């Protein structure tokens, strides 16, 4: 016999629907769904009035007993707090008991950011032999480091998003928020090499598939699985893909593929194996700050809503802080 759904389960469904309507990221929704399912199982059939801060603390203890790390427990608490915040907005509850529960203390672990010299040595010279498509792979690095964009933002770039005359790219960030990010001479040079290569690749793929399925192409009957570059524009004479970065089949490059490409090339160039696309975003913010860029300008470029987020993305050594103090404070001279 199927048990009736509890109030926490029903509320979670509505809350996740609200997040989807607000264009929250798929990763956030998935994480909240998992954590709140566990919370609902723990709470059971209790009603909102009997779920107090002691119950929430008990939930955290339950997670620790299951062997979860402090990071995972902190994330679960954040999910419960967000659920209650939304319930208060909807008038379902008057108080948020999760606010009375302290967040587990996490070790402050800053990501290892490559130095400017390390990044330059990685980008200077030819791409290593492990690079499947050197022109494309160089552009990936130039955009991740040169623009400080997220991996998901990178693969979402379309050709029409690039303004070569203004040297800027329209970026669609979290929650579908848009911003323009400038790109420099190195990225422009990489684009100039890559775009003809991309055009040639897609033309070759189209020629191959046309020769293999001429009648199906003409009648528009070719199955999606047989279309290596997605939808074809009728009569355009070119593949219909709008993606800037494409794979060898002409399809849009995925974030997972970009991660593999970045790690493989970074290691071949002598960097640590823990380098990933977000490492280059961290390096972008850190290196700009080191060179004197305003923190709020970096915030705008990175697409952060809160300045505190930008501060976490950047790190200054003690020597750099002392240098700034020595140069600028009147009593230090």
Protein backbone atom coordinates (compact mmCIF):
# COMPACT_ATOMS: atom_id res chain seq x y z
CA UNK A 1 0.00 0.00 0.00
CA UNK A 2 1.36 3.38 -1.01
CA UNK A 3 1.72 5.82 1.88
CA UNK A 4 0.30 9.35 1.47
CA UNK A 5 2.94 11.97 0.77
CA UNK A 6 4.04 14.01 3.79
CA UNK A 7 3.80 17.79 4.04
CA UNK A 8 7.58 18.10 3.60
CA UNK A 9 7.50 16.01 0.41
CA UNK A 10 4.64 18.05 -1.02
CA UNK A 11 6.33 21.33 -0.07
CA UNK A 12 9.59 20.15 -1.64
CA UNK A 13 7.82 19.46 -4.93
CA UNK A 14 6.36 22.98 -4.98
CA UNK A 15 9.68 24.52 -3.94
CA UNK A 16 11.62 22.76 -6.71
CA UNK A 17 8.96 23.83 -9.22
CA UNK A 18 9.46 27.40 -8.02
CA UNK A 19 13.23 27.09 -8.54
CA UNK A 20 12.73 25.83 -12.10
CA UNK A 21 10.44 28.77 -12.85
CA UNK A 22 13.13 31.10 -11.52
CA UNK A 23 15.67 29.49 -13.91
CA UNK A 24 17.83 28.12 -11.11
CA UNK A 25 20.71 26.02 -12.36
CA UNK A 26 20.14 22.30 -12.94
CA UNK A 27 22.97 21.51 -10.49
CA UNK A 28 21.30 23.54 -7.71
CA UNK A 29 17.92 21.90 -8.27
CA UNK A 30 19.43 18.41 -8.30
CA UNK A 31 21.39 19.07 -5.09
CA UNK A 32 18.37 20.55 -3.29
CA UNK A 33 16.14 17.68 -4.44
CA UNK A 34 18.50 15.07 -3.02
CA UNK A 35 19.06 16.82 0.31
CA UNK A 36 15.38 17.63 0.83
CA UNK A 37 14.35 14.05 0.05
CA UNK A 38 16.60 12.88 2.87
CA UNK A 39 15.18 15.61 5.14
CA UNK A 40 11.62 14.51 4.30
CA UNK A 41 12.45 10.88 5.11
CA UNK A 42 13.94 11.90 8.45
CA UNK A 43 11.05 14.20 9.45
CA UNK A 44 8.40 11.71 8.40
CA UNK A 45 4.77 12.65 9.09
CA UNK A 46 5.49 15.52 11.50
CA UNK A 47 3.79 18.84 10.81
CA UNK A 48 5.45 22.25 10.54
CA UNK A 49 4.64 23.20 14.15
CA UNK A 50 6.55 20.23 15.56
CA UNK A 51 9.64 20.72 13.36
CA UNK A 52 11.79 23.01 15.50
CA UNK A 53 15.52 23.78 15.58
CA UNK A 54 16.11 20.70 17.74
CA UNK A 55 14.59 18.54 15.00
CA UNK A 56 16.84 20.20 12.41
CA UNK A 57 19.88 19.59 14.63
CA UNK A 58 18.80 15.98 14.90
CA UNK A 59 18.68 15.82 11.11
CA UNK A 60 22.29 17.04 10.90
CA UNK A 61 23.35 14.46 13.50
CA UNK A 62 21.59 11.82 11.40
CA UNK A 63 23.67 12.89 8.38
CA UNK A 64 26.90 12.70 10.37
CA UNK A 65 25.93 9.21 11.56
CA UNK A 66 25.55 8.21 7.91
CA UNK A 67 29.16 9.25 7.34
CA UNK A 68 28.55 12.49 5.42
CA UNK A 69 31.29 15.12 5.41
CA UNK A 70 30.93 18.58 6.94
CA UNK A 71 30.64 20.03 3.43
CA UNK A 72 27.72 17.74 2.58
CA UNK A 73 26.00 18.44 5.90
CA UNK A 74 26.41 22.20 5.40
CA UNK A 75 24.88 21.90 1.93
CA UNK A 76 21.91 19.95 3.33
CA UNK A 77 21.36 22.63 6.00
CA UNK A 78 21.45 25.30 3.29
CA UNK A 79 18.78 23.40 1.35
CA UNK A 80 16.52 23.21 4.41
CA UNK A 81 17.03 26.91 5.12
CA UNK A 82 16.11 27.77 1.51
CA UNK A 83 12.98 25.62 1.70
CA UNK A 84 11.87 27.37 4.89
CA UNK A 85 12.66 30.79 3.45
CA UNK A 86 10.35 30.05 0.53
CA UNK A 87 7.66 28.63 2.85
CA UNK A 88 7.76 31.87 4.86
CA UNK A 89 7.33 33.90 1.67
CA UNK A 90 4.33 31.74 0.80
CA UNK A 91 2.85 32.26 4.27
CA UNK A 92 3.02 28.57 5.20
CA UNK A 93 5.34 29.04 8.21
CA UNK A 94 6.15 32.01 10.42
CA UNK A 95 9.66 31.06 11.51
CA UNK A 96 12.69 29.36 10.04
CA UNK A 97 14.04 26.91 12.65
CA UNK A 98 17.02 26.10 10.42
CA UNK A 99 18.31 29.65 10.98
CA UNK A 100 18.86 28.80 14.65
CA UNK A 101 21.17 25.93 13.74
CA UNK A 102 24.84 26.79 13.24
CA UNK A 103 26.48 25.89 9.95
CA UNK A 104 29.26 23.29 10.37
CA UNK A 105 32.65 24.95 10.46
CA UNK A 106 34.44 24.21 7.22
CA UNK A 107 38.16 24.33 6.67
CA UNK A 108 39.04 27.35 4.56
CA UNK A 109 40.53 25.76 1.51
CA UNK A 110 41.50 28.11 -1.27
CA UNK A 111 41.90 26.57 -4.70
CA UNK A 112 45.40 26.29 -6.08
CA UNK A 113 45.62 29.01 -8.71
CA UNK A 114 48.37 28.80 -11.33
CA UNK A 115 50.70 31.79 -11.44
CA UNK A 116 50.69 34.19 -14.36
CA UNK A 117 53.96 32.64 -15.51
CA UNK A 118 52.46 29.15 -15.43
CA UNK A 119 49.39 30.18 -17.43
CA UNK A 120 51.48 32.09 -19.96
CA UNK A 121 53.82 29.13 -20.43
CA UNK A 122 50.77 26.94 -21.02
CA UNK A 123 49.32 29.28 -23.64
CA UNK A 124 52.55 30.34 -25.35
CA UNK A 125 53.88 28.19 -28.16
CA UNK A 126 52.12 25.33 -29.89
CA UNK A 127 49.41 23.21 -28.39
CA UNK A 128 50.81 19.82 -27.27
CA UNK A 129 50.31 16.66 -29.32
CA UNK A 130 47.51 15.53 -27.02
CA UNK A 131 45.35 18.39 -28.34
CA UNK A 132 42.79 16.77 -30.65
CA UNK A 133 42.01 20.02 -32.46
CA UNK A 134 44.71 22.59 -31.66
CA UNK A 135 42.87 25.61 -33.10
CA UNK A 136 39.72 24.90 -31.09
CA UNK A 137 41.54 23.82 -27.95
CA UNK A 138 43.66 26.99 -27.88
CA UNK A 139 40.50 29.08 -28.19
CA UNK A 140 38.99 27.21 -25.23
CA UNK A 141 41.92 28.25 -23.04
CA UNK A 142 41.98 31.81 -24.35
CA UNK A 143 38.28 32.31 -23.58
CA UNK A 144 38.28 30.58 -20.17
CA UNK A 145 41.31 32.49 -18.94
CA UNK A 146 40.98 35.62 -21.07
CA UNK A 147 37.31 36.21 -20.21
CA UNK A 148 36.94 34.44 -16.87
CA UNK A 149 33.75 32.69 -17.97
CA UNK A 150 32.25 29.52 -16.57
CA UNK A 151 32.50 26.23 -18.42
CA UNK A 152 28.73 26.20 -18.97
CA UNK A 153 28.88 29.75 -20.32
CA UNK A 154 31.70 28.81 -22.68
CA UNK A 155 29.87 25.93 -24.35
CA UNK A 156 26.71 28.05 -24.60
CA UNK A 157 28.34 30.71 -26.81
CA UNK A 158 26.84 30.99 -30.29
CA UNK A 159 28.49 32.60 -33.30
CA UNK A 160 26.03 35.49 -33.18
CA UNK A 161 27.06 36.24 -29.59
CA UNK A 162 30.51 37.40 -30.72
CA UNK A 163 31.06 41.00 -31.77
CA UNK A 164 34.47 41.08 -33.44
CA UNK A 165 34.31 44.85 -34.02
CA UNK A 166 33.66 45.55 -30.33
CA UNK A 167 35.84 42.67 -29.11
CA UNK A 168 33.07 41.53 -26.77
CA UNK A 169 31.01 38.38 -26.24
CA UNK A 170 27.43 38.14 -25.02
CA UNK A 171 27.51 35.67 -22.13
CA UNK A 172 24.43 33.96 -20.69
CA UNK A 173 25.13 33.27 -17.04
CA UNK A 174 23.27 31.68 -14.15
CA UNK A 175 19.53 32.28 -14.20
CA UNK A 176 19.84 33.24 -17.89
CA UNK A 177 21.27 36.61 -16.90
CA UNK A 178 23.19 38.22 -19.74
CA UNK A 179 26.35 40.28 -19.67
CA UNK A 180 28.95 41.42 -22.18
CA UNK A 181 32.53 40.32 -21.55
CA UNK A 182 35.46 41.81 -23.47
CA UNK A 183 38.15 39.67 -25.04
CA UNK A 184 41.71 40.67 -25.83
CA UNK A 185 44.12 40.32 -28.70
CA UNK A 186 45.14 36.76 -27.85
CA UNK A 187 41.54 35.53 -27.93
CA UNK A 188 40.90 37.48 -31.15
CA UNK A 189 43.92 35.83 -32.77
CA UNK A 190 42.71 32.41 -31.62
CA UNK A 191 39.26 33.13 -33.06
CA UNK A 192 40.80 34.15 -36.39
CA UNK A 193 42.53 30.78 -36.63
CA UNK A 194 39.63 28.69 -35.35
CA UNK A 195 36.68 30.08 -37.34
CA UNK A 196 37.99 29.02 -40.80
CA UNK A 197 38.85 25.60 -39.32
CA UNK A 198 35.30 25.30 -37.95
CA UNK A 199 33.78 26.31 -41.28
CA UNK A 200 35.90 23.74 -43.13
CA UNK A 201 35.00 20.97 -40.67
CA UNK A 202 31.28 21.57 -40.98
CA UNK A 203 31.48 21.87 -44.76
CA UNK A 204 33.31 18.53 -44.93
CA UNK A 205 30.75 16.89 -42.65
CA UNK A 206 27.89 18.23 -44.71
CA UNK A 207 29.46 17.00 -47.92
CA UNK A 208 29.98 13.56 -46.42
CA UNK A 209 26.43 13.22 -45.14
CA UNK A 210 24.94 14.59 -48.36
CA UNK A 211 26.81 11.98 -50.37
CA UNK A 212 25.68 9.25 -47.98
CA UNK A 213 21.99 10.27 -47.83
CA UNK A 214 21.25 12.55 -50.82
CA UNK A 215 17.54 11.79 -51.14
CA UNK A 216 16.91 11.98 -47.39
CA UNK A 217 18.65 15.35 -47.16
CA UNK A 218 16.60 16.71 -50.03
CA UNK A 219 13.34 15.58 -48.44
CA UNK A 220 14.34 16.45 -44.87
CA UNK A 221 13.82 12.86 -43.74
CA UNK A 222 17.24 12.19 -42.21
CA UNK A 223 16.94 10.97 -38.63
CA UNK A 224 18.45 13.04 -35.82
CA UNK A 225 20.93 10.27 -35.03
CA UNK A 226 22.32 10.49 -38.56
CA UNK A 227 22.74 14.27 -38.40
CA UNK A 228 26.19 14.89 -36.95
CA UNK A 229 25.69 18.62 -36.64
CA UNK A 230 22.07 18.87 -35.59
CA UNK A 231 19.35 20.53 -37.61
CA UNK A 232 20.14 21.52 -41.20
CA UNK A 233 18.94 24.82 -42.56
CA UNK A 234 17.05 24.20 -45.75
CA UNK A 235 18.84 25.69 -48.74
CA UNK A 236 21.54 27.34 -46.64
CA UNK A 237 24.34 25.18 -48.02
CA UNK A 238 25.87 25.01 -44.52
CA UNK A 239 25.19 23.12 -41.30
CA UNK A 240 22.61 24.76 -39.08
CA UNK A 241 24.57 24.56 -35.85
CA UNK A 242 24.92 27.93 -34.13
CA UNK A 243 27.47 26.77 -31.54
CA UNK A 244 30.86 28.45 -31.53
CA UNK A 245 32.71 25.41 -30.17
CA UNK A 246 32.00 22.14 -31.95
CA UNK A 247 33.23 18.57 -31.66
CA UNK A 248 34.48 16.34 -34.46
CA UNK A 249 30.88 15.41 -35.36
CA UNK A 250 29.89 19.04 -35.69
CA UNK A 251 27.80 19.10 -32.52
CA UNK A 252 28.03 21.56 -29.66
CA UNK A 253 30.91 20.80 -27.30
CA UNK A 254 29.81 19.68 -23.80
CA UNK A 255 31.12 20.87 -20.43
CA UNK A 256 32.42 17.37 -19.73
CA UNK A 257 34.43 17.39 -22.95
CA UNK A 258 35.86 20.82 -22.13
CA UNK A 259 36.92 19.53 -18.72
CA UNK A 260 38.79 16.62 -20.28
CA UNK A 261 40.45 18.86 -22.85
CA UNK A 262 41.63 21.39 -20.25
CA UNK A 263 43.01 18.74 -17.90
CA UNK A 264 44.78 16.81 -20.68
CA UNK A 265 46.49 19.88 -22.14
CA UNK A 266 47.36 21.39 -18.74
CA UNK A 267 49.10 18.18 -17.66
CA UNK A 268 50.94 17.95 -21.00
CA UNK A 269 52.17 21.50 -20.42
CA UNK A 270 53.52 20.62 -16.98
CA UNK A 271 50.72 21.88 -14.74
CA UNK A 272 49.04 19.98 -11.92
CA UNK A 273 46.46 17.32 -12.76
CA UNK A 274 43.88 19.17 -10.63
CA UNK A 275 43.57 21.96 -13.22
CA UNK A 276 40.04 22.23 -14.59
CA UNK A 277 38.02 24.95 -16.39
CA UNK A 278 37.06 26.67 -13.13
CA UNK A 279 40.76 26.89 -12.22
CA UNK A 280 41.22 29.26 -15.15
CA UNK A 281 38.27 31.35 -13.96
CA UNK A 282 39.89 31.61 -10.53
CA UNK A 283 43.16 32.56 -12.20
CA UNK A 284 41.41 35.26 -14.24
CA UNK A 285 40.08 37.01 -11.14
CA UNK A 286 43.20 36.50 -9.05
CA UNK A 287 45.61 37.76 -11.70
CA UNK A 288 43.50 40.82 -12.51
CA UNK A 289 43.37 41.70 -8.83
CA UNK A 290 47.13 41.24 -8.53
CA UNK A 291 47.60 43.66 -11.42
CA UNK A 292 45.49 46.34 -9.74
CA UNK A 293 42.00 45.81 -11.19
CA UNK A 294 39.08 47.10 -9.14
CA UNK A 295 37.24 44.33 -7.29
CA UNK A 296 33.85 45.57 -8.47
CA UNK A 297 35.00 45.53 -12.10
CA UNK A 298 36.10 41.92 -11.60
CA UNK A 299 32.71 41.20 -10.03
CA UNK A 300 30.99 42.53 -13.16
CA UNK A 301 33.22 40.52 -15.49
CA UNK A 302 32.72 37.30 -13.55
CA UNK A 303 28.95 37.82 -13.37
CA UNK A 304 28.69 37.63 -9.57
CA UNK A 305 25.65 39.10 -7.84
CA UNK A 306 27.47 39.51 -4.52
CA UNK A 307 30.87 41.11 -4.05
CA UNK A 308 31.61 38.56 -1.32
CA UNK A 309 31.51 35.83 -3.95
CA UNK A 310 34.13 37.64 -5.98
CA UNK A 311 36.33 37.95 -2.92
CA UNK A 312 36.25 34.19 -2.50
CA UNK A 313 37.28 33.74 -6.12
CA UNK A 314 40.39 35.83 -5.65
CA UNK A 315 43.32 35.44 -3.33
CA UNK A 316 46.22 37.66 -2.40
CA UNK A 317 49.45 36.54 -0.85
CA UNK A 318 50.78 38.27 2.27
CA UNK A 319 53.57 39.75 0.17
CA UNK A 320 51.07 41.31 -2.24
CA UNK A 321 49.06 42.81 0.62
CA UNK A 322 52.25 44.24 2.15
CA UNK A 323 53.31 45.66 -1.20
CA UNK A 324 49.96 47.44 -1.58
CA UNK A 325 50.25 48.79 1.97
CA UNK A 326 53.81 50.03 1.41
CA UNK A 327 52.85 51.77 -1.83
CA UNK A 328 49.64 53.42 -0.69
CA UNK A 329 49.47 54.09 3.05
CA UNK A 330 50.84 57.53 3.99
CA UNK A 331 52.35 56.29 7.24
CA UNK A 332 54.14 53.39 5.55
CA UNK A 333 56.48 55.64 3.57
